[in-house]
Structures are given as C-alpha cells and as structure tokens.
Amino acid sequence: NVLAICDFDMRFTFAVTGWPGSAHDSRVLNHVLANFLSFPVAPKGKYYLVDSGYPNRTG
C-alpha cells in the first residue's frame, strides 16, 4: 500500500510506502496522522480529494 499526496502542479509532497499485505486506506492515514509530523495537514476549511476508502473529516 502507498499513501501519496501531490500538489496542484502534480508534484509529490508526501509519500509513505511499505505496508505489507492489505491495509485499509483509513488505517494507513490514521497511522500517518499519529506518527509523521511532516504530514501536510490541510488548512482549516479545506479538504483533500480522496477516494471512498477515506473518512470525511475536516483538515
């Protein structure tokens, strides 16, 4: 599994790899939010465009 974030110019700004086997998207995201200080949290009132595997919540 890979969690990757890119900016509006399609440049990767953050990536996490290495989850063995199958891990749900929200599990990987929760791990990143708890353990990576460099994760670019969306500003208040802004959201990331994600697929249906992620929960809806504010930045």
PDB file of N, CA and C in Angstrom:
ATOM      1  N   ASN A   1       0.828  -1.194   0.000  1.00  0.00           N
ATOM      2  CA  ASN A   1       0.000   0.000   0.000  1.00  0.00           C
ATOM      3  C   ASN A   1       0.866   1.248   0.000  1.00  0.00           C
ATOM      4  N   VAL A   2       0.360   2.287  -0.624  1.00  0.00           N
ATOM      5  CA  VAL A   2       1.055   3.568  -0.714  1.00  0.00           C
ATOM      6  C   VAL A   2       0.069   4.679  -0.400  1.00  0.00           C
ATOM      7  N   LEU A   3       0.495   5.630   0.418  1.00  0.00           N
ATOM      8  CA  LEU A   3      -0.263   6.858   0.623  1.00  0.00           C
ATOM      9  C   LEU A   3       0.603   7.970   0.052  1.00  0.00           C
ATOM     10  N   ALA A   4       0.089   8.679  -0.948  1.00  0.00           N
ATOM     11  CA  ALA A   4       0.865   9.735  -1.596  1.00  0.00           C
ATOM     12  C   ALA A   4       0.012  10.981  -1.744  1.00  0.00           C
ATOM     13  N   ILE A   5       0.654  12.137  -1.588  1.00  0.00           N
ATOM     14  CA  ILE A   5      -0.018  13.426  -1.732  1.00  0.00           C
ATOM     15  C   ILE A   5       0.762  14.234  -2.750  1.00  0.00           C
ATOM     16  N   CYS A   6       0.038  14.873  -3.671  1.00  0.00           N
ATOM     17  CA  CYS A   6       0.698  15.763  -4.616  1.00  0.00           C
ATOM     18  C   CYS A   6       0.010  17.120  -4.604  1.00  0.00           C
ATOM     19  N   ASP A   7       0.750  18.140  -5.039  1.00  0.00           N
ATOM     20  CA  ASP A   7       0.199  19.492  -5.065  1.00  0.00           C
ATOM     21  C   ASP A   7      -0.532  19.725  -6.388  1.00  0.00           C
ATOM     22  N   PHE A   8      -1.005  20.959  -6.604  1.00  0.00           N
ATOM     23  CA  PHE A   8      -1.762  21.260  -7.816  1.00  0.00           C
ATOM     24  C   PHE A   8      -0.906  21.204  -9.079  1.00  0.00           C
ATOM     25  N   ASP A   9       0.402  21.214  -8.922  1.00  0.00           N
ATOM     26  CA  ASP A   9       1.308  21.069 -10.059  1.00  0.00           C
ATOM     27  C   ASP A   9       1.707  19.616 -10.284  1.00  0.00           C
ATOM     28  N   MET A  10       1.017  18.695  -9.600  1.00  0.00           N
ATOM     29  CA  MET A  10       1.232  17.252  -9.713  1.00  0.00           C
ATOM     30  C   MET A  10       2.619  16.819  -9.253  1.00  0.00           C
ATOM     31  N   ARG A  11       3.191  17.539  -8.295  1.00  0.00           N
ATOM     32  CA  ARG A  11       4.463  17.153  -7.679  1.00  0.00           C
ATOM     33  C   ARG A  11       4.159  16.465  -6.358  1.00  0.00           C
ATOM     34  N   PHE A  12       4.792  15.333  -6.119  1.00  0.00           N
ATOM     35  CA  PHE A  12       4.594  14.641  -4.855  1.00  0.00           C
ATOM     36  C   PHE A  12       5.157  15.475  -3.712  1.00  0.00           C
ATOM     37  N   THR A  13       4.358  15.663  -2.668  1.00  0.00           N
ATOM     38  CA  THR A  13       4.806  16.414  -1.499  1.00  0.00           C
ATOM     39  C   THR A  13       4.926  15.529  -0.269  1.00  0.00           C
ATOM     40  N   PHE A  14       4.375  14.312  -0.336  1.00  0.00           N
ATOM     41  CA  PHE A  14       4.439  13.386   0.795  1.00  0.00           C
ATOM     42  C   PHE A  14       4.138  11.989   0.283  1.00  0.00           C
ATOM     43  N   ALA A  15       4.839  10.989   0.799  1.00  0.00           N
ATOM     44  CA  ALA A  15       4.571   9.599   0.429  1.00  0.00           C
ATOM     45  C   ALA A  15       4.992   8.676   1.558  1.00  0.00           C
ATOM     46  N   VAL A  16       4.192   7.652   1.781  1.00  0.00           N
ATOM     47  CA  VAL A  16       4.504   6.593   2.741  1.00  0.00           C
ATOM     48  C   VAL A  16       4.278   5.271   2.024  1.00  0.00           C
ATOM     49  N   THR A  17       5.267   4.398   2.081  1.00  0.00           N
ATOM     50  CA  THR A  17       5.160   3.077   1.466  1.00  0.00           C
ATOM     51  C   THR A  17       5.519   2.021   2.497  1.00  0.00           C
ATOM     52  N   GLY A  18       5.299   0.777   2.145  1.00  0.00           N
ATOM     53  CA  GLY A  18       5.817  -0.299   2.966  1.00  0.00           C
ATOM     54  C   GLY A  18       4.819  -1.030   3.832  1.00  0.00           C
ATOM     55  N   TRP A  19       3.534  -0.756   3.668  1.00  0.00           N
ATOM     56  CA  TRP A  19       2.560  -1.530   4.433  1.00  0.00           C
ATOM     57  C   TRP A  19       2.442  -2.906   3.794  1.00  0.00           C
ATOM     58  N   PRO A  20       2.750  -3.965   4.546  1.00  0.00           N
ATOM     59  CA  PRO A  20       2.692  -5.306   3.965  1.00  0.00           C
ATOM     60  C   PRO A  20       1.253  -5.779   3.779  1.00  0.00           C
ATOM     61  N   GLY A  21       1.061  -6.574   2.757  1.00  0.00           N
ATOM     62  CA  GLY A  21      -0.252  -7.167   2.539  1.00  0.00           C
ATOM     63  C   GLY A  21      -1.314  -6.135   2.234  1.00  0.00           C
ATOM     64  N   SER A  22      -2.473  -6.329   2.841  1.00  0.00           N
ATOM     65  CA  SER A  22      -3.613  -5.463   2.590  1.00  0.00           C
ATOM     66  C   SER A  22      -3.931  -4.654   3.839  1.00  0.00           C
ATOM     67  N   ALA A  23      -3.924  -3.352   3.721  1.00  0.00           N
ATOM     68  CA  ALA A  23      -4.290  -2.464   4.827  1.00  0.00           C
ATOM     69  C   ALA A  23      -5.294  -1.454   4.291  1.00  0.00           C
ATOM     70  N   HIS A  24      -6.347  -1.202   5.050  1.00  0.00           N
ATOM     71  CA  HIS A  24      -7.374  -0.256   4.625  1.00  0.00           C
ATOM     72  C   HIS A  24      -6.793   1.155   4.568  1.00  0.00           C
ATOM     73  N   ASP A  25      -7.268   1.940   3.611  1.00  0.00           N
ATOM     74  CA  ASP A  25      -6.773   3.309   3.434  1.00  0.00           C
ATOM     75  C   ASP A  25      -6.849   4.123   4.717  1.00  0.00           C
ATOM     76  N   SER A  26      -7.966   4.025   5.432  1.00  0.00           N
ATOM     77  CA  SER A  26      -8.126   4.832   6.647  1.00  0.00           C
ATOM     78  C   SER A  26      -7.159   4.391   7.744  1.00  0.00           C
ATOM     79  N   ARG A  27      -6.785   3.116   7.768  1.00  0.00           N
ATOM     80  CA  ARG A  27      -5.804   2.649   8.759  1.00  0.00           C
ATOM     81  C   ARG A  27      -4.436   3.271   8.488  1.00  0.00           C
ATOM     82  N   VAL A  28      -4.040   3.302   7.222  1.00  0.00           N
ATOM     83  CA  VAL A  28      -2.766   3.914   6.857  1.00  0.00           C
ATOM     84  C   VAL A  28      -2.797   5.405   7.179  1.00  0.00           C
ATOM     85  N   LEU A  29      -3.885   6.097   6.841  1.00  0.00           N
ATOM     86  CA  LEU A  29      -3.999   7.527   7.123  1.00  0.00           C
ATOM     87  C   LEU A  29      -3.931   7.800   8.616  1.00  0.00           C
ATOM     88  N   ASN A  30      -4.649   7.043   9.423  1.00  0.00           N
ATOM     89  CA  ASN A  30      -4.611   7.251  10.873  1.00  0.00           C
ATOM     90  C   ASN A  30      -3.208   7.033  11.431  1.00  0.00           C
ATOM     91  N   HIS A  31      -2.489   6.041  10.914  1.00  0.00           N
ATOM     92  CA  HIS A  31      -1.108   5.807  11.338  1.00  0.00           C
ATOM     93  C   HIS A  31      -0.226   7.012  10.988  1.00  0.00           C
ATOM     94  N   VAL A  32      -0.381   7.520   9.780  1.00  0.00           N
ATOM     95  CA  VAL A  32       0.416   8.668   9.344  1.00  0.00           C
ATOM     96  C   VAL A  32       0.109   9.893  10.198  1.00  0.00           C
ATOM     97  N   LEU A  33      -1.168  10.155  10.467  1.00  0.00           N
ATOM     98  CA  LEU A  33      -1.541  11.322  11.271  1.00  0.00           C
ATOM     99  C   LEU A  33      -0.973  11.237  12.681  1.00  0.00           C
ATOM    100  N   ALA A  34      -0.847  10.039  13.217  1.00  0.00           N
ATOM    101  CA  ALA A  34      -0.350   9.862  14.582  1.00  0.00           C
ATOM    102  C   ALA A  34       1.177   9.828  14.666  1.00  0.00           C
ATOM    103  N   ASN A  35       1.863   9.512  13.566  1.00  0.00           N
ATOM    104  CA  ASN A  35       3.300   9.238  13.646  1.00  0.00           C
ATOM    105  C   ASN A  35       4.210  10.073  12.752  1.00  0.00           C
ATOM    106  N   PHE A  36       3.671  10.876  11.880  1.00  0.00           N
ATOM    107  CA  PHE A  36       4.509  11.650  10.962  1.00  0.00           C
ATOM    108  C   PHE A  36       4.219  13.133  11.126  1.00  0.00           C
ATOM    109  N   LEU A  37       5.163  13.853  11.721  1.00  0.00           N
ATOM    110  CA  LEU A  37       4.984  15.290  11.913  1.00  0.00           C
ATOM    111  C   LEU A  37       5.067  16.055  10.602  1.00  0.00           C
ATOM    112  N   SER A  38       5.660  15.461   9.578  1.00  0.00           N
ATOM    113  CA  SER A  38       5.816  16.144   8.296  1.00  0.00           C
ATOM    114  C   SER A  38       4.593  16.019   7.391  1.00  0.00           C
ATOM    115  N   PHE A  39       3.535  15.320   7.850  1.00  0.00           N
ATOM    116  CA  PHE A  39       2.334  15.171   7.027  1.00  0.00           C
ATOM    117  C   PHE A  39       1.690  16.538   6.818  1.00  0.00           C
ATOM    118  N   PRO A  40       1.437  16.937   5.562  1.00  0.00           N
ATOM    119  CA  PRO A  40       0.872  18.263   5.288  1.00  0.00           C
ATOM    120  C   PRO A  40      -0.632  18.309   5.562  1.00  0.00           C
ATOM    121  N   VAL A  41      -1.009  18.666   6.770  1.00  0.00           N
ATOM    122  CA  VAL A  41      -2.422  18.732   7.151  1.00  0.00           C
ATOM    123  C   VAL A  41      -3.087  19.866   6.381  1.00  0.00           C
ATOM    124  N   ALA A  42      -4.263  19.601   5.843  1.00  0.00           N
ATOM    125  CA  ALA A  42      -4.993  20.621   5.085  1.00  0.00           C
ATOM    126  C   ALA A  42      -5.396  21.775   6.002  1.00  0.00           C
ATOM    127  N   PRO A  43      -5.351  23.014   5.506  1.00  0.00           N
ATOM    128  CA  PRO A  43      -5.766  24.159   6.323  1.00  0.00           C
ATOM    129  C   PRO A  43      -7.237  24.044   6.730  1.00  0.00           C
ATOM    130  N   LYS A  44      -7.606  24.740   7.783  1.00  0.00           N
ATOM    131  CA  LYS A  44      -8.986  24.721   8.271  1.00  0.00           C
ATOM    132  C   LYS A  44      -9.937  25.122   7.143  1.00  0.00           C
ATOM    133  N   GLY A  45     -10.987  24.338   6.980  1.00  0.00           N
ATOM    134  CA  GLY A  45     -11.965  24.602   5.936  1.00  0.00           C
ATOM    135  C   GLY A  45     -11.600  24.041   4.576  1.00  0.00           C
ATOM    136  N   LYS A  46     -10.447  23.380   4.469  1.00  0.00           N
ATOM    137  CA  LYS A  46     -10.007  22.776   3.210  1.00  0.00           C
ATOM    138  C   LYS A  46      -9.989  21.264   3.361  1.00  0.00           C
ATOM    139  N   TYR A  47     -10.041  20.559   2.238  1.00  0.00           N
ATOM    140  CA  TYR A  47     -10.111  19.107   2.255  1.00  0.00           C
ATOM    141  C   TYR A  47      -9.187  18.523   1.197  1.00  0.00           C
ATOM    142  N   TYR A  48      -8.797  17.280   1.405  1.00  0.00           N
ATOM    143  CA  TYR A  48      -8.088  16.534   0.376  1.00  0.00           C
ATOM    144  C   TYR A  48      -9.113  15.827  -0.495  1.00  0.00           C
ATOM    145  N   LEU A  49      -8.828  15.725  -1.780  1.00  0.00           N
ATOM    146  CA  LEU A  49      -9.656  14.963  -2.696  1.00  0.00           C
ATOM    147  C   LEU A  49      -9.181  13.515  -2.616  1.00  0.00           C
ATOM    148  N   VAL A  50     -10.052  12.627  -2.125  1.00  0.00           N
ATOM    149  CA  VAL A  50      -9.672  11.236  -1.878  1.00  0.00           C
ATOM    150  C   VAL A  50     -10.718  10.297  -2.455  1.00  0.00           C
ATOM    151  N   ASP A  51     -10.423   9.006  -2.412  1.00  0.00           N
ATOM    152  CA  ASP A  51     -11.413   8.035  -2.861  1.00  0.00           C
ATOM    153  C   ASP A  51     -12.287   7.599  -1.687  1.00  0.00           C
ATOM    154  N   SER A  52     -13.175   6.661  -1.936  1.00  0.00           N
ATOM    155  CA  SER A  52     -14.165   6.264  -0.929  1.00  0.00           C
ATOM    156  C   SER A  52     -13.573   5.487   0.244  1.00  0.00           C
ATOM    157  N   GLY A  53     -12.302   5.163   0.202  1.00  0.00           N
ATOM    158  CA  GLY A  53     -11.668   4.440   1.295  1.00  0.00           C
ATOM    159  C   GLY A  53     -11.294   5.311   2.478  1.00  0.00           C
ATOM    160  N   TYR A  54     -11.453   6.616   2.340  1.00  0.00           N
ATOM    161  CA  TYR A  54     -11.077   7.539   3.409  1.00  0.00           C
ATOM    162  C   TYR A  54     -12.315   8.156   4.043  1.00  0.00           C
ATOM    163  N   PRO A  55     -12.241   8.454   5.347  1.00  0.00           N
ATOM    164  CA  PRO A  55     -13.384   9.086   6.014  1.00  0.00           C
ATOM    165  C   PRO A  55     -13.477  10.567   5.650  1.00  0.00           C
ATOM    166  N   ASN A  56     -14.691  11.115   5.712  1.00  0.00           N
ATOM    167  CA  ASN A  56     -14.878  12.554   5.534  1.00  0.00           C
ATOM    168  C   ASN A  56     -14.639  13.233   6.860  1.00  0.00           C
ATOM    169  N   ARG A  57     -13.656  14.120   6.912  1.00  0.00           N
ATOM    170  CA  ARG A  57     -13.392  14.896   8.116  1.00  0.00           C
ATOM    171  C   ARG A  57     -12.624  16.150   7.741  1.00  0.00           C
ATOM    172  N   THR A  58     -12.682  17.124   8.615  1.00  0.00           N
ATOM    173  CA  THR A  58     -12.047  18.404   8.325  1.00  0.00           C
ATOM    174  C   THR A  58     -10.541  18.309   8.459  1.00  0.00           C
ATOM    175  N   GLY A  59      -9.849  19.296   7.864  1.00  0.00           N
ATOM    176  CA  GLY A  59      -8.397  19.344   7.923  1.00  0.00           C
ATOM    177  C   GLY A  59      -7.892  19.885   9.224  1.00  0.00           C
TER     178      GLY A  59
END
